[in-house]
Full PDB file with SEQRES, HELIX, SHEET, SSBOND, CRYST1, ORIGX, SCALE, CONECT and MASTER records, all heavy atoms in Angstrom:
SEQRES   1 A   43  LEU SER SER ALA TYR HIS ARG GLY GLN ARG ASP LEU LEU          
SEQRES   2 A   43  ARG ARG LEU HIS ALA ASP ALA VAL LEU ARG ASN ALA PHE          
SEQRES   3 A   43  PRO THR MET THR HIS ARG ALA VAL ARG LEU ARG MET ASP          
SEQRES   4 A   43  PRO MET GLY GLY                                              
HELIX    1 AA1 ARG A    7  GLN A    9  5                                   3    
HELIX    2 AA2 ARG A   10  ALA A   18  1                                   9    
HELIX    3 AA3 LEU A   22  ASN A   24  5                                   3    
SHEET    1 AA1 2 PHE A  26  THR A  30  0                                        
SHEET    2 AA1 2 ALA A  33  ARG A  37 -1                                        
CRYST1    1.000    1.000    1.000  90.00  90.00  90.00 P 1           1          
ORIGX1      1.000000  0.000000  0.000000        0.00000                         
ORIGX2      0.000000  1.000000  0.000000        0.00000                         
ORIGX3      0.000000  0.000000  1.000000        0.00000                         
SCALE1      1.000000  0.000000  0.000000        0.00000                         
SCALE2      0.000000  1.000000  0.000000        0.00000                         
SCALE3      0.000000  0.000000  1.000000        0.00000                         
ATOM      1  N   LEU A   1      13.332   2.873   4.011  1.00  0.00           N  
ATOM      2  CA  LEU A   1      13.402   4.269   4.523  1.00  0.00           C  
ATOM      3  C   LEU A   1      14.520   4.551   5.539  1.00  0.00           C  
ATOM      4  O   LEU A   1      14.924   5.599   5.599  1.00  0.00           O  
ATOM      5  CB  LEU A   1      12.061   4.673   5.087  1.00  0.00           C  
ATOM      6  CG  LEU A   1      10.951   4.833   4.072  1.00  0.00           C  
ATOM      7  CD1 LEU A   1       9.536   4.842   4.721  1.00  0.00           C  
ATOM      8  CD2 LEU A   1      11.120   6.145   3.226  1.00  0.00           C  
ATOM      9  N   SER A   2      14.887   3.464   6.276  1.00  0.00           N  
ATOM     10  CA  SER A   2      15.888   3.731   7.331  1.00  0.00           C  
ATOM     11  C   SER A   2      17.325   3.301   6.816  1.00  0.00           C  
ATOM     12  O   SER A   2      18.262   3.497   7.568  1.00  0.00           O  
ATOM     13  CB  SER A   2      15.542   2.984   8.574  1.00  0.00           C  
ATOM     14  OG  SER A   2      15.441   1.569   8.322  1.00  0.00           O  
ATOM     15  N   SER A   3      17.398   2.736   5.673  1.00  0.00           N  
ATOM     16  CA  SER A   3      18.622   2.207   5.193  1.00  0.00           C  
ATOM     17  C   SER A   3      19.674   3.352   4.835  1.00  0.00           C  
ATOM     18  O   SER A   3      19.339   4.227   4.051  1.00  0.00           O  
ATOM     19  CB  SER A   3      18.440   1.343   3.969  1.00  0.00           C  
ATOM     20  OG  SER A   3      19.652   1.064   3.352  1.00  0.00           O  
ATOM     21  N   ALA A   4      20.861   3.245   5.384  1.00  0.00           N  
ATOM     22  CA  ALA A   4      21.917   4.271   4.989  1.00  0.00           C  
ATOM     23  C   ALA A   4      22.330   3.953   3.522  1.00  0.00           C  
ATOM     24  O   ALA A   4      22.756   4.881   2.861  1.00  0.00           O  
ATOM     25  CB  ALA A   4      23.042   4.194   5.976  1.00  0.00           C  
ATOM     26  N   TYR A   5      22.274   2.775   3.163  1.00  0.00           N  
ATOM     27  CA  TYR A   5      22.612   2.434   1.782  1.00  0.00           C  
ATOM     28  C   TYR A   5      21.767   3.147   0.722  1.00  0.00           C  
ATOM     29  O   TYR A   5      22.286   3.502  -0.351  1.00  0.00           O  
ATOM     30  CB  TYR A   5      22.623   0.961   1.565  1.00  0.00           C  
ATOM     31  CG  TYR A   5      23.125   0.418   0.260  1.00  0.00           C  
ATOM     32  CD1 TYR A   5      24.533   0.410   0.008  1.00  0.00           C  
ATOM     33  CD2 TYR A   5      22.281   0.046  -0.776  1.00  0.00           C  
ATOM     34  CE1 TYR A   5      24.976  -0.019  -1.237  1.00  0.00           C  
ATOM     35  CE2 TYR A   5      22.697  -0.361  -1.955  1.00  0.00           C  
ATOM     36  CZ  TYR A   5      24.072  -0.349  -2.303  1.00  0.00           C  
ATOM     37  OH  TYR A   5      24.543  -0.788  -3.442  1.00  0.00           O  
ATOM     38  N   HIS A   6      20.562   3.268   1.064  1.00  0.00           N  
ATOM     39  CA  HIS A   6      19.562   3.843   0.046  1.00  0.00           C  
ATOM     40  C   HIS A   6      19.314   5.359   0.365  1.00  0.00           C  
ATOM     41  O   HIS A   6      18.303   5.920  -0.066  1.00  0.00           O  
ATOM     42  CB  HIS A   6      18.271   3.153   0.053  1.00  0.00           C  
ATOM     43  CG  HIS A   6      18.375   1.760  -0.413  1.00  0.00           C  
ATOM     44  ND1 HIS A   6      18.970   1.348  -1.579  1.00  0.00           N  
ATOM     45  CD2 HIS A   6      18.184   0.568   0.304  1.00  0.00           C  
ATOM     46  CE1 HIS A   6      18.949   0.108  -1.740  1.00  0.00           C  
ATOM     47  NE2 HIS A   6      18.482  -0.422  -0.528  1.00  0.00           N  
ATOM     48  N   ARG A   7      20.324   5.998   1.047  1.00  0.00           N  
ATOM     49  CA  ARG A   7      20.145   7.465   1.435  1.00  0.00           C  
ATOM     50  C   ARG A   7      19.879   8.298   0.181  1.00  0.00           C  
ATOM     51  O   ARG A   7      19.154   9.279   0.287  1.00  0.00           O  
ATOM     52  CB  ARG A   7      21.459   7.860   2.181  1.00  0.00           C  
ATOM     53  CG  ARG A   7      21.308   9.293   2.691  1.00  0.00           C  
ATOM     54  CD  ARG A   7      22.557   9.724   3.515  1.00  0.00           C  
ATOM     55  NE  ARG A   7      23.778   8.991   3.070  1.00  0.00           N  
ATOM     56  CZ  ARG A   7      24.470   8.128   3.849  1.00  0.00           C  
ATOM     57  NH1 ARG A   7      24.039   7.914   5.067  1.00  0.00           N  
ATOM     58  NH2 ARG A   7      25.576   7.540   3.457  1.00  0.00           N  
ATOM     59  N   GLY A   8      20.535   8.019  -0.899  1.00  0.00           N  
ATOM     60  CA  GLY A   8      20.302   8.874  -2.175  1.00  0.00           C  
ATOM     61  C   GLY A   8      18.887   8.805  -2.701  1.00  0.00           C  
ATOM     62  O   GLY A   8      18.594   9.613  -3.408  1.00  0.00           O  
ATOM     63  N   GLN A   9      18.182   7.693  -2.387  1.00  0.00           N  
ATOM     64  CA  GLN A   9      16.790   7.600  -2.890  1.00  0.00           C  
ATOM     65  C   GLN A   9      15.778   7.895  -1.784  1.00  0.00           C  
ATOM     66  O   GLN A   9      14.643   7.711  -2.010  1.00  0.00           O  
ATOM     67  CB  GLN A   9      16.571   6.207  -3.469  1.00  0.00           C  
ATOM     68  CG  GLN A   9      17.372   5.874  -4.711  1.00  0.00           C  
ATOM     69  CD  GLN A   9      18.836   5.556  -4.388  1.00  0.00           C  
ATOM     70  OE1 GLN A   9      19.149   4.956  -3.392  1.00  0.00           O  
ATOM     71  NE2 GLN A   9      19.687   6.034  -5.283  1.00  0.00           N  
ATOM     72  N   ARG A  10      16.234   8.296  -0.642  1.00  0.00           N  
ATOM     73  CA  ARG A  10      15.335   8.517   0.475  1.00  0.00           C  
ATOM     74  C   ARG A  10      14.150   9.457   0.263  1.00  0.00           C  
ATOM     75  O   ARG A  10      13.021   9.193   0.570  1.00  0.00           O  
ATOM     76  CB  ARG A  10      16.070   8.931   1.758  1.00  0.00           C  
ATOM     77  CG  ARG A  10      15.172   8.855   2.962  1.00  0.00           C  
ATOM     78  CD  ARG A  10      15.961   8.895   4.281  1.00  0.00           C  
ATOM     79  NE  ARG A  10      16.725   7.653   4.435  1.00  0.00           N  
ATOM     80  CZ  ARG A  10      17.938   7.642   4.971  1.00  0.00           C  
ATOM     81  NH1 ARG A  10      18.427   8.671   5.520  1.00  0.00           N  
ATOM     82  NH2 ARG A  10      18.578   6.460   5.122  1.00  0.00           N  
ATOM     83  N   ASP A  11      14.448  10.585  -0.404  1.00  0.00           N  
ATOM     84  CA  ASP A  11      13.368  11.527  -0.708  1.00  0.00           C  
ATOM     85  C   ASP A  11      12.294  10.922  -1.610  1.00  0.00           C  
ATOM     86  O   ASP A  11      11.114  11.063  -1.456  1.00  0.00           O  
ATOM     87  CB  ASP A  11      13.897  12.831  -1.415  1.00  0.00           C  
ATOM     88  CG  ASP A  11      14.661  13.741  -0.409  1.00  0.00           C  
ATOM     89  OD1 ASP A  11      14.527  13.483   0.864  1.00  0.00           O  
ATOM     90  OD2 ASP A  11      15.408  14.576  -0.830  1.00  0.00           O  
ATOM     91  N   LEU A  12      12.763  10.155  -2.617  1.00  0.00           N  
ATOM     92  CA  LEU A  12      11.815   9.482  -3.444  1.00  0.00           C  
ATOM     93  C   LEU A  12      11.074   8.420  -2.726  1.00  0.00           C  
ATOM     94  O   LEU A  12       9.796   8.368  -2.887  1.00  0.00           O  
ATOM     95  CB  LEU A  12      12.591   8.803  -4.732  1.00  0.00           C  
ATOM     96  CG  LEU A  12      11.749   7.976  -5.613  1.00  0.00           C  
ATOM     97  CD1 LEU A  12      10.569   8.798  -6.212  1.00  0.00           C  
ATOM     98  CD2 LEU A  12      12.618   7.434  -6.734  1.00  0.00           C  
ATOM     99  N   LEU A  13      11.722   7.649  -1.879  1.00  0.00           N  
ATOM    100  CA  LEU A  13      11.064   6.667  -1.083  1.00  0.00           C  
ATOM    101  C   LEU A  13       9.994   7.335  -0.242  1.00  0.00           C  
ATOM    102  O   LEU A  13       8.837   6.845  -0.039  1.00  0.00           O  
ATOM    103  CB  LEU A  13      12.066   5.827  -0.280  1.00  0.00           C  
ATOM    104  CG  LEU A  13      12.911   4.844  -1.043  1.00  0.00           C  
ATOM    105  CD1 LEU A  13      14.095   4.424  -0.252  1.00  0.00           C  
ATOM    106  CD2 LEU A  13      12.065   3.622  -1.435  1.00  0.00           C  
ATOM    107  N   ARG A  14      10.337   8.391   0.415  1.00  0.00           N  
ATOM    108  CA  ARG A  14       9.421   9.142   1.407  1.00  0.00           C  
ATOM    109  C   ARG A  14       8.151   9.612   0.565  1.00  0.00           C  
ATOM    110  O   ARG A  14       7.066   9.470   1.051  1.00  0.00           O  
ATOM    111  CB  ARG A  14      10.101  10.276   2.050  1.00  0.00           C  
ATOM    112  CG  ARG A  14      10.976   9.848   3.205  1.00  0.00           C  
ATOM    113  CD  ARG A  14      11.550  11.167   3.770  1.00  0.00           C  
ATOM    114  NE  ARG A  14      12.471  10.714   4.816  1.00  0.00           N  
ATOM    115  CZ  ARG A  14      13.607  11.372   5.079  1.00  0.00           C  
ATOM    116  NH1 ARG A  14      13.980  12.445   4.393  1.00  0.00           N  
ATOM    117  NH2 ARG A  14      14.384  10.894   6.042  1.00  0.00           N  
ATOM    118  N   ARG A  15       8.446  10.093  -0.613  1.00  0.00           N  
ATOM    119  CA  ARG A  15       7.372  10.570  -1.430  1.00  0.00           C  
ATOM    120  C   ARG A  15       6.423   9.459  -1.835  1.00  0.00           C  
ATOM    121  O   ARG A  15       5.209   9.599  -1.759  1.00  0.00           O  
ATOM    122  CB  ARG A  15       7.933  11.274  -2.715  1.00  0.00           C  
ATOM    123  CG  ARG A  15       6.788  11.763  -3.598  1.00  0.00           C  
ATOM    124  CD  ARG A  15       7.336  12.500  -4.795  1.00  0.00           C  
ATOM    125  NE  ARG A  15       6.207  12.938  -5.523  1.00  0.00           N  
ATOM    126  CZ  ARG A  15       6.205  13.706  -6.595  1.00  0.00           C  
ATOM    127  NH1 ARG A  15       7.431  14.177  -6.866  1.00  0.00           N  
ATOM    128  NH2 ARG A  15       5.267  14.140  -7.238  1.00  0.00           N  
ATOM    129  N   LEU A  16       6.957   8.344  -2.206  1.00  0.00           N  
ATOM    130  CA  LEU A  16       6.046   7.247  -2.553  1.00  0.00           C  
ATOM    131  C   LEU A  16       5.367   6.674  -1.426  1.00  0.00           C  
ATOM    132  O   LEU A  16       4.133   6.329  -1.456  1.00  0.00           O  
ATOM    133  CB  LEU A  16       6.967   6.123  -3.268  1.00  0.00           C  
ATOM    134  CG  LEU A  16       7.674   6.513  -4.556  1.00  0.00           C  
ATOM    135  CD1 LEU A  16       8.609   5.363  -4.942  1.00  0.00           C  
ATOM    136  CD2 LEU A  16       6.737   6.922  -5.623  1.00  0.00           C  
ATOM    137  N   HIS A  17       6.047   6.571  -0.292  1.00  0.00           N  
ATOM    138  CA  HIS A  17       5.424   5.972   0.911  1.00  0.00           C  
ATOM    139  C   HIS A  17       4.320   6.963   1.454  1.00  0.00           C  
ATOM    140  O   HIS A  17       3.298   6.514   2.038  1.00  0.00           O  
ATOM    141  CB  HIS A  17       6.453   5.839   2.025  1.00  0.00           C  
ATOM    142  CG  HIS A  17       5.965   5.158   3.231  1.00  0.00           C  
ATOM    143  ND1 HIS A  17       5.608   5.865   4.371  1.00  0.00           N  
ATOM    144  CD2 HIS A  17       5.659   3.839   3.497  1.00  0.00           C  
ATOM    145  CE1 HIS A  17       5.191   5.015   5.276  1.00  0.00           C  
ATOM    146  NE2 HIS A  17       5.193   3.806   4.821  1.00  0.00           N  
ATOM    147  N   ALA A  18       4.443   8.302   1.194  1.00  0.00           N  
ATOM    148  CA  ALA A  18       3.420   9.226   1.716  1.00  0.00           C  
ATOM    149  C   ALA A  18       2.089   9.005   1.025  1.00  0.00           C  
ATOM    150  O   ALA A  18       1.037   9.478   1.557  1.00  0.00           O  
ATOM    151  CB  ALA A  18       3.998  10.682   1.528  1.00  0.00           C  
ATOM    152  N   ASP A  19       2.098   8.423  -0.167  1.00  0.00           N  
ATOM    153  CA  ASP A  19       0.783   8.236  -0.830  1.00  0.00           C  
ATOM    154  C   ASP A  19       0.100   6.960  -0.364  1.00  0.00           C  
ATOM    155  O   ASP A  19       0.748   5.927  -0.355  1.00  0.00           O  
ATOM    156  CB  ASP A  19       1.155   8.177  -2.400  1.00  0.00           C  
ATOM    157  CG  ASP A  19      -0.226   7.936  -3.142  1.00  0.00           C  
ATOM    158  OD1 ASP A  19      -0.832   8.967  -3.462  1.00  0.00           O  
ATOM    159  OD2 ASP A  19      -0.531   6.804  -3.445  1.00  0.00           O  
ATOM    160  N   ALA A  20      -1.090   7.117   0.113  1.00  0.00           N  
ATOM    161  CA  ALA A  20      -1.852   5.997   0.702  1.00  0.00           C  
ATOM    162  C   ALA A  20      -2.031   4.814  -0.279  1.00  0.00           C  
ATOM    163  O   ALA A  20      -2.092   3.699   0.108  1.00  0.00           O  
ATOM    164  CB  ALA A  20      -3.174   6.439   1.210  1.00  0.00           C  
ATOM    165  N   VAL A  21      -2.143   5.043  -1.536  1.00  0.00           N  
ATOM    166  CA  VAL A  21      -2.312   3.999  -2.539  1.00  0.00           C  
ATOM    167  C   VAL A  21      -0.998   3.328  -2.783  1.00  0.00           C  
ATOM    168  O   VAL A  21      -0.878   2.079  -2.786  1.00  0.00           O  
ATOM    169  CB  VAL A  21      -2.926   4.576  -3.850  1.00  0.00           C  
ATOM    170  CG1 VAL A  21      -2.934   3.499  -4.908  1.00  0.00           C  
ATOM    171  CG2 VAL A  21      -4.334   5.157  -3.548  1.00  0.00           C  
ATOM    172  N   LEU A  22       0.065   4.097  -3.149  1.00  0.00           N  
ATOM    173  CA  LEU A  22       1.342   3.480  -3.477  1.00  0.00           C  
ATOM    174  C   LEU A  22       1.992   2.809  -2.264  1.00  0.00           C  
ATOM    175  O   LEU A  22       2.774   1.823  -2.400  1.00  0.00           O  
ATOM    176  CB  LEU A  22       2.314   4.531  -4.023  1.00  0.00           C  
ATOM    177  CG  LEU A  22       1.882   5.228  -5.275  1.00  0.00           C  
ATOM    178  CD1 LEU A  22       2.813   6.332  -5.649  1.00  0.00           C  
ATOM    179  CD2 LEU A  22       1.756   4.237  -6.388  1.00  0.00           C  
ATOM    180  N   ARG A  23       1.694   3.190  -1.083  1.00  0.00           N  
ATOM    181  CA  ARG A  23       2.229   2.584   0.204  1.00  0.00           C  
ATOM    182  C   ARG A  23       1.867   1.081   0.311  1.00  0.00           C  
ATOM    183  O   ARG A  23       2.526   0.284   0.932  1.00  0.00           O  
ATOM    184  CB  ARG A  23       1.637   3.388   1.374  1.00  0.00           C  
ATOM    185  CG  ARG A  23       2.218   2.854   2.682  1.00  0.00           C  
ATOM    186  CD  ARG A  23       1.640   3.638   3.898  1.00  0.00           C  
ATOM    187  NE  ARG A  23       1.624   5.085   3.605  1.00  0.00           N  
ATOM    188  CZ  ARG A  23       0.529   5.868   3.925  1.00  0.00           C  
ATOM    189  NH1 ARG A  23      -0.584   5.339   4.391  1.00  0.00           N  
ATOM    190  NH2 ARG A  23       0.542   7.133   3.577  1.00  0.00           N  
ATOM    191  N   ASN A  24       0.738   0.691  -0.449  1.00  0.00           N  
ATOM    192  CA  ASN A  24       0.329  -0.705  -0.355  1.00  0.00           C  
ATOM    193  C   ASN A  24       1.113  -1.570  -1.425  1.00  0.00           C  
ATOM    194  O   ASN A  24       1.051  -2.778  -1.363  1.00  0.00           O  
ATOM    195  CB  ASN A  24      -1.174  -0.732  -0.724  1.00  0.00           C  
ATOM    196  CG  ASN A  24      -2.019  -0.310   0.414  1.00  0.00           C  
ATOM    197  OD1 ASN A  24      -1.848  -0.647   1.553  1.00  0.00           O  
ATOM    198  ND2 ASN A  24      -2.786   0.711   0.142  1.00  0.00           N  
ATOM    199  N   ALA A  25       1.923  -0.952  -2.331  1.00  0.00           N  
ATOM    200  CA  ALA A  25       2.795  -1.772  -3.166  1.00  0.00           C  
ATOM    201  C   ALA A  25       3.982  -2.190  -2.409  1.00  0.00           C  
ATOM    202  O   ALA A  25       4.373  -1.591  -1.481  1.00  0.00           O  
ATOM    203  CB  ALA A  25       3.161  -0.911  -4.458  1.00  0.00           C  
ATOM    204  N   PHE A  26       4.492  -3.344  -2.841  1.00  0.00           N  
ATOM    205  CA  PHE A  26       5.699  -3.866  -2.126  1.00  0.00           C  
ATOM    206  C   PHE A  26       7.029  -3.349  -2.764  1.00  0.00           C  
ATOM    207  O   PHE A  26       7.228  -3.482  -4.026  1.00  0.00           O  
ATOM    208  CB  PHE A  26       5.670  -5.411  -2.289  1.00  0.00           C  
ATOM    209  CG  PHE A  26       6.802  -6.059  -1.474  1.00  0.00           C  
ATOM    210  CD1 PHE A  26       6.651  -6.305  -0.142  1.00  0.00           C  
ATOM    211  CD2 PHE A  26       8.078  -6.415  -2.039  1.00  0.00           C  
ATOM    212  CE1 PHE A  26       7.591  -6.894   0.617  1.00  0.00           C  
ATOM    213  CE2 PHE A  26       8.986  -7.074  -1.241  1.00  0.00           C  
ATOM    214  CZ  PHE A  26       8.777  -7.241   0.033  1.00  0.00           C  
ATOM    215  N   PRO A  27       7.781  -2.483  -2.092  1.00  0.00           N  
ATOM    216  CA  PRO A  27       8.936  -1.797  -2.660  1.00  0.00           C  
ATOM    217  C   PRO A  27      10.234  -2.598  -2.524  1.00  0.00           C  
ATOM    218  O   PRO A  27      10.426  -3.242  -1.485  1.00  0.00           O  
ATOM    219  CB  PRO A  27       9.004  -0.552  -1.789  1.00  0.00           C  
ATOM    220  CG  PRO A  27       8.618  -1.049  -0.391  1.00  0.00           C  
ATOM    221  CD  PRO A  27       7.547  -2.118  -0.701  1.00  0.00           C  
ATOM    222  N   THR A  28      10.994  -2.510  -3.570  1.00  0.00           N  
ATOM    223  CA  THR A  28      12.386  -2.999  -3.515  1.00  0.00           C  
ATOM    224  C   THR A  28      13.283  -2.011  -4.253  1.00  0.00           C  
ATOM    225  O   THR A  28      12.701  -1.173  -4.969  1.00  0.00           O  
ATOM    226  CB  THR A  28      12.538  -4.427  -4.107  1.00  0.00           C  
ATOM    227  OG1 THR A  28      12.099  -4.414  -5.452  1.00  0.00           O  
ATOM    228  CG2 THR A  28      11.854  -5.496  -3.337  1.00  0.00           C  
ATOM    229  N   MET A  29      14.547  -2.144  -4.138  1.00  0.00           N  
ATOM    230  CA  MET A  29      15.398  -1.279  -4.884  1.00  0.00           C  
ATOM    231  C   MET A  29      16.229  -2.064  -5.862  1.00  0.00           C  
ATOM    232  O   MET A  29      16.678  -3.200  -5.552  1.00  0.00           O  
ATOM    233  CB  MET A  29      16.420  -0.593  -3.968  1.00  0.00           C  
ATOM    234  CG  MET A  29      15.819   0.376  -2.930  1.00  0.00           C  
ATOM    235  SD  MET A  29      15.008   1.831  -3.652  1.00  0.00           S  
ATOM    236  CE  MET A  29      16.415   2.567  -4.559  1.00  0.00           C  
ATOM    237  N   THR A  30      16.368  -1.535  -7.075  1.00  0.00           N  
ATOM    238  CA  THR A  30      17.109  -2.221  -8.080  1.00  0.00           C  
ATOM    239  C   THR A  30      17.889  -1.166  -8.918  1.00  0.00           C  
ATOM    240  O   THR A  30      17.171  -0.277  -9.490  1.00  0.00           O  
ATOM    241  CB  THR A  30      16.278  -3.105  -8.906  1.00  0.00           C  
ATOM    242  OG1 THR A  30      17.117  -3.749  -9.892  1.00  0.00           O  
ATOM    243  CG2 THR A  30      15.135  -2.403  -9.573  1.00  0.00           C  
ATOM    244  N   HIS A  31      19.146  -1.150  -8.957  1.00  0.00           N  
ATOM    245  CA  HIS A  31      19.913  -0.199  -9.793  1.00  0.00           C  
ATOM    246  C   HIS A  31      19.491   1.245  -9.499  1.00  0.00           C  
ATOM    247  O   HIS A  31      19.256   2.004 -10.450  1.00  0.00           O  
ATOM    248  CB  HIS A  31      19.819  -0.561 -11.196  1.00  0.00           C  
ATOM    249  CG  HIS A  31      20.326  -1.947 -11.475  1.00  0.00           C  
ATOM    250  ND1 HIS A  31      19.566  -3.022 -11.572  1.00  0.00           N  
ATOM    251  CD2 HIS A  31      21.647  -2.360 -11.687  1.00  0.00           C  
ATOM    252  CE1 HIS A  31      20.268  -4.051 -11.805  1.00  0.00           C  
ATOM    253  NE2 HIS A  31      21.528  -3.721 -11.951  1.00  0.00           N  
ATOM    254  N   ARG A  32      19.362   1.635  -8.231  1.00  0.00           N  
ATOM    255  CA  ARG A  32      19.009   2.946  -7.782  1.00  0.00           C  
ATOM    256  C   ARG A  32      17.557   3.378  -8.259  1.00  0.00           C  
ATOM    257  O   ARG A  32      17.150   4.496  -8.154  1.00  0.00           O  
ATOM    258  CB  ARG A  32      19.946   4.034  -8.316  1.00  0.00           C  
ATOM    259  CG  ARG A  32      21.335   3.794  -7.676  1.00  0.00           C  
ATOM    260  CD  ARG A  32      22.282   4.854  -8.101  1.00  0.00           C  
ATOM    261  NE  ARG A  32      21.609   6.035  -8.727  1.00  0.00           N  
ATOM    262  CZ  ARG A  32      22.196   7.089  -9.120  1.00  0.00           C  
ATOM    263  NH1 ARG A  32      23.526   7.155  -9.041  1.00  0.00           N  
ATOM    264  NH2 ARG A  32      21.582   8.081  -9.725  1.00  0.00           N  
ATOM    265  N   ALA A  33      16.729   2.421  -8.618  1.00  0.00           N  
ATOM    266  CA  ALA A  33      15.384   2.684  -8.929  1.00  0.00           C  
ATOM    267  C   ALA A  33      14.478   1.915  -7.903  1.00  0.00           C  
ATOM    268  O   ALA A  33      14.855   0.853  -7.417  1.00  0.00           O  
ATOM    269  CB  ALA A  33      15.025   2.165 -10.322  1.00  0.00           C  
ATOM    270  N   VAL A  34      13.365   2.515  -7.652  1.00  0.00           N  
ATOM    271  CA  VAL A  34      12.397   1.827  -6.769  1.00  0.00           C  
ATOM    272  C   VAL A  34      11.451   0.962  -7.532  1.00  0.00           C  
ATOM    273  O   VAL A  34      10.901   1.505  -8.552  1.00  0.00           O  
ATOM    274  CB  VAL A  34      11.553   2.931  -5.908  1.00  0.00           C  
ATOM    275  CG1 VAL A  34      10.544   2.187  -5.024  1.00  0.00           C  
ATOM    276  CG2 VAL A  34      12.435   3.841  -5.105  1.00  0.00           C  
ATOM    277  N   ARG A  35      11.411  -0.285  -7.198  1.00  0.00           N  
ATOM    278  CA  ARG A  35      10.461  -1.220  -7.892  1.00  0.00           C  
ATOM    279  C   ARG A  35       9.246  -1.341  -6.970  1.00  0.00           C  
ATOM    280  O   ARG A  35       9.383  -1.725  -5.853  1.00  0.00           O  
ATOM    281  CB  ARG A  35      11.100  -2.584  -8.144  1.00  0.00           C  
ATOM    282  CG  ARG A  35      10.132  -3.590  -8.823  1.00  0.00           C  
ATOM    283  CD  ARG A  35      10.740  -4.949  -8.858  1.00  0.00           C  
ATOM    284  NE  ARG A  35      12.020  -4.873  -9.664  1.00  0.00           N  
ATOM    285  CZ  ARG A  35      12.107  -5.155 -10.994  1.00  0.00           C  
ATOM    286  NH1 ARG A  35      10.987  -5.591 -11.672  1.00  0.00           N  
ATOM    287  NH2 ARG A  35      13.259  -5.163 -11.535  1.00  0.00           N  
ATOM    288  N   LEU A  36       8.030  -1.051  -7.494  1.00  0.00           N  
ATOM    289  CA  LEU A  36       6.873  -1.251  -6.762  1.00  0.00           C  
ATOM    290  C   LEU A  36       6.105  -2.439  -7.365  1.00  0.00           C  
ATOM    291  O   LEU A  36       5.867  -2.414  -8.628  1.00  0.00           O  
ATOM    292  CB  LEU A  36       5.918   0.007  -6.868  1.00  0.00           C  
ATOM    293  CG  LEU A  36       6.567   1.300  -6.238  1.00  0.00           C  
ATOM    294  CD1 LEU A  36       5.711   2.507  -6.537  1.00  0.00           C  
ATOM    295  CD2 LEU A  36       6.803   1.114  -4.757  1.00  0.00           C  
ATOM    296  N   ARG A  37       5.731  -3.385  -6.565  1.00  0.00           N  
ATOM    297  CA  ARG A  37       5.085  -4.572  -7.050  1.00  0.00           C  
ATOM    298  C   ARG A  37       3.842  -4.846  -6.297  1.00  0.00           C  
ATOM    299  O   ARG A  37       3.740  -4.630  -5.096  1.00  0.00           O  
ATOM    300  CB  ARG A  37       6.052  -5.825  -6.707  1.00  0.00           C  
ATOM    301  CG  ARG A  37       5.525  -7.107  -7.257  1.00  0.00           C  
ATOM    302  CD  ARG A  37       6.501  -8.167  -6.916  1.00  0.00           C  
ATOM    303  NE  ARG A  37       7.847  -7.897  -7.350  1.00  0.00           N  
ATOM    304  CZ  ARG A  37       8.671  -8.773  -7.818  1.00  0.00           C  
ATOM    305  NH1 ARG A  37       8.426 -10.052  -7.815  1.00  0.00           N  
ATOM    306  NH2 ARG A  37       9.911  -8.419  -8.176  1.00  0.00           N  
ATOM    307  N   MET A  38       2.806  -5.182  -7.042  1.00  0.00           N  
ATOM    308  CA  MET A  38       1.484  -5.403  -6.450  1.00  0.00           C  
ATOM    309  C   MET A  38       1.484  -6.606  -5.513  1.00  0.00           C  
ATOM    310  O   MET A  38       0.894  -6.505  -4.477  1.00  0.00           O  
ATOM    311  CB  MET A  38       0.434  -5.579  -7.581  1.00  0.00           C  
ATOM    312  CG  MET A  38       0.265  -4.403  -8.414  1.00  0.00           C  
ATOM    313  SD  MET A  38      -0.127  -2.917  -7.456  1.00  0.00           S  
ATOM    314  CE  MET A  38      -1.552  -3.380  -6.662  1.00  0.00           C  
ATOM    315  N   ASP A  39       2.187  -7.754  -5.902  1.00  0.00           N  
ATOM    316  CA  ASP A  39       2.124  -8.896  -5.126  1.00  0.00           C  
ATOM    317  C   ASP A  39       3.591  -9.287  -4.888  1.00  0.00           C  
ATOM    318  O   ASP A  39       4.266  -9.600  -5.861  1.00  0.00           O  
ATOM    319  CB  ASP A  39       1.395 -10.062  -5.734  1.00  0.00           C  
ATOM    320  CG  ASP A  39       1.350 -11.318  -5.074  1.00  0.00           C  
ATOM    321  OD1 ASP A  39       2.008 -11.396  -4.018  1.00  0.00           O  
ATOM    322  OD2 ASP A  39       0.812 -12.293  -5.571  1.00  0.00           O  
ATOM    323  N   PRO A  40       4.070  -9.164  -3.691  1.00  0.00           N  
ATOM    324  CA  PRO A  40       5.488  -9.503  -3.426  1.00  0.00           C  
ATOM    325  C   PRO A  40       5.864 -10.907  -3.761  1.00  0.00           C  
ATOM    326  O   PRO A  40       7.127 -11.141  -4.029  1.00  0.00           O  
ATOM    327  CB  PRO A  40       5.664  -9.200  -1.895  1.00  0.00           C  
ATOM    328  CG  PRO A  40       4.291  -9.314  -1.323  1.00  0.00           C  
ATOM    329  CD  PRO A  40       3.366  -8.932  -2.479  1.00  0.00           C  
ATOM    330  N   MET A  41       4.985 -11.815  -3.765  1.00  0.00           N  
ATOM    331  CA  MET A  41       5.276 -13.236  -4.083  1.00  0.00           C  
ATOM    332  C   MET A  41       5.040 -13.581  -5.516  1.00  0.00           C  
ATOM    333  O   MET A  41       5.422 -14.621  -6.008  1.00  0.00           O  
ATOM    334  CB  MET A  41       4.442 -14.225  -3.110  1.00  0.00           C  
ATOM    335  CG  MET A  41       4.627 -13.916  -1.791  1.00  0.00           C  
ATOM    336  SD  MET A  41       6.388 -13.837  -1.251  1.00  0.00           S  
ATOM    337  CE  MET A  41       6.389 -15.221  -0.228  1.00  0.00           C  
ATOM    338  N   GLY A  42       4.396 -12.731  -6.277  1.00  0.00           N  
ATOM    339  CA  GLY A  42       4.058 -13.008  -7.738  1.00  0.00           C  
ATOM    340  C   GLY A  42       4.959 -12.235  -8.663  1.00  0.00           C  
ATOM    341  O   GLY A  42       4.809 -11.108  -8.829  1.00  0.00           O  
ATOM    342  N   GLY A  43       5.848 -12.996  -9.261  1.00  0.00           N  
ATOM    343  CA  GLY A  43       6.770 -12.369 -10.217  1.00  0.00           C  
ATOM    344  C   GLY A  43       6.121 -11.861 -11.439  1.00  0.00           C  
ATOM    345  O   GLY A  43       6.633 -10.923 -12.153  1.00  0.00           O  
TER     346      GLY A  43                                                      
MASTER        0    0    0    3    2    0    0    6  345    1    0    4          
END                                                                             
């Protein structure tokens, strides 16, 4: 959310983070898409 590099996806990131359920998923960025993962250690 604070990254200048992901500024173009900031509104989407804020929207996802605002949801109490989705906020519990582990987020990463890949090719301008947000990846939400249930277990950050489990591929």
